[in-house]
Amino acid sequence: MTDNKSNEIISLVEVLKDAINKEHVSCDYYNRAATGTVKPAVKKMFLKLAEMERGHALELAKQLSDLEAQTFIDKAITANF
């Protein structure tokens, strides 16, 4: 793997980790907002938004896992070259 590609992978891993963290922060924010309201419709909306953020975090985590697995495979294949 070239240094350029290696740096690109590291950068993408950092971006994905940061994005996952931001999704968790957003999820927590919406959950706190839901507990802070008494209106059922507003609570429902905040809980739905929290659920969406949780889904985003899970999808990003899957992408990160796939990227890390592919990077491991690429390194194993090219280690002898």
Foldseek 3Di string as FASTA:
>chain_A
DDPVVVVVLVVVLVVLVVLLVVLQVLLVVLCVVLVVDDDPVSNVVSNVSSVVSVVVSVVSVVVSVVSVVVVVVVCVVPVVD
